[in-house]
Amino acid sequence: MPRRSHPRVPGQAKVRRLVGARIRQLRTERELTQAELGGRYFDRGYVSAVEVGRIAASLGALLQFSRKLEVPIGDLFRDD
């Protein structure tokens, strides 16, 4: 099984969880399913893994999510 985070980067797991929770919050506010958020680029399983912080989304994936959610990409990193 490939490693999901680099062991020498402190706080990486916390950031994955924060970003995932924010994506889930924005998605549910917009009444989108995980499949709808993923669209033609990502399957529901990938979106689920990102939302629970199991994997870190690439910058390209975050850009697609921010576009679909109609928010600036920086909003995915907000903790409020």
Protein backbone atom coordinates (compact mmCIF):
# COMPACT_ATOMS: atom_id res chain seq x y z
CA MET A 1 0.00 0.00 0.00
CA PRO A 2 1.52 3.36 -0.95
CA ARG A 3 2.17 5.86 1.79
CA ARG A 4 -0.48 8.62 1.85
CA SER A 5 1.65 11.32 3.48
CA HIS A 6 5.29 12.10 3.91
CA PRO A 7 6.41 11.12 7.42
CA ARG A 8 8.66 14.15 7.83
CA VAL A 9 6.04 16.79 7.01
CA PRO A 10 4.44 17.77 10.31
CA GLY A 11 0.73 18.49 10.24
CA GLN A 12 0.08 17.02 6.81
CA ALA A 13 -2.65 14.67 8.07
CA LYS A 14 -4.35 17.56 9.87
CA VAL A 15 -4.38 19.63 6.67
CA ARG A 16 -5.84 16.70 4.69
CA ARG A 17 -8.65 16.37 7.21
CA LEU A 18 -9.30 20.13 7.32
CA VAL A 19 -9.48 20.44 3.53
CA GLY A 20 -11.63 17.33 3.24
CA ALA A 21 -14.08 18.56 5.86
CA ARG A 22 -14.31 21.94 4.12
CA ILE A 23 -14.99 20.31 0.76
CA ARG A 24 -17.73 18.18 2.34
CA GLN A 25 -19.25 21.24 4.02
CA LEU A 26 -19.34 23.23 0.77
CA ARG A 27 -20.64 20.25 -1.20
CA THR A 28 -23.52 19.59 1.20
CA GLU A 29 -24.41 23.30 1.36
CA ARG A 30 -24.77 23.20 -2.43
CA GLU A 31 -26.74 19.95 -2.22
CA LEU A 32 -24.32 18.08 -4.48
CA THR A 33 -23.62 14.37 -4.26
CA GLN A 34 -20.05 13.12 -4.22
CA ALA A 35 -20.59 11.81 -7.76
CA GLU A 36 -21.83 15.22 -8.92
CA LEU A 37 -18.84 16.96 -7.36
CA GLY A 38 -16.46 14.52 -9.01
CA GLY A 39 -18.19 14.99 -12.34
CA ARG A 40 -16.35 13.57 -15.30
CA TYR A 41 -12.95 13.89 -13.61
CA PHE A 42 -13.19 11.91 -10.35
CA ASP A 43 -15.29 9.01 -9.17
CA ARG A 44 -17.33 9.07 -5.99
CA GLY A 45 -14.77 6.94 -4.15
CA TYR A 46 -12.01 9.48 -4.78
CA VAL A 47 -14.18 12.35 -3.53
CA SER A 48 -15.06 10.32 -0.43
CA ALA A 49 -11.39 9.56 0.30
CA VAL A 50 -10.52 13.26 0.00
CA GLU A 51 -13.42 14.32 2.22
CA VAL A 52 -12.42 12.00 5.07
CA GLY A 53 -8.75 12.96 4.76
CA ARG A 54 -7.57 9.51 3.70
CA ILE A 55 -5.76 10.96 0.69
CA ALA A 56 -4.48 14.39 -0.24
CA ALA A 57 -6.03 15.86 -3.36
CA SER A 58 -3.62 17.15 -5.97
CA LEU A 59 -3.53 20.85 -6.79
CA GLY A 60 -5.35 20.08 -10.04
CA ALA A 61 -8.08 18.20 -8.17
CA LEU A 62 -8.48 21.06 -5.69
CA LEU A 63 -8.82 23.46 -8.60
CA GLN A 64 -11.58 21.32 -10.15
CA PHE A 65 -13.38 21.07 -6.80
CA SER A 66 -13.19 24.83 -6.26
CA ARG A 67 -14.61 25.46 -9.73
CA LYS A 68 -17.47 23.01 -9.22
CA LEU A 69 -18.18 24.48 -5.77
CA GLU A 70 -17.89 28.02 -7.19
CA VAL A 71 -15.42 29.25 -4.56
CA PRO A 72 -11.83 30.53 -4.78
CA ILE A 73 -9.37 27.69 -4.22
CA GLY A 74 -8.17 29.37 -1.04
CA ASP A 75 -11.61 28.88 0.50
CA LEU A 76 -10.94 25.13 0.57
CA PHE A 77 -8.29 25.80 3.24
CA ARG A 78 -10.49 27.93 5.53
CA ASP A 79 -11.27 26.60 8.98
CA ASP A 80 -14.51 28.22 10.08
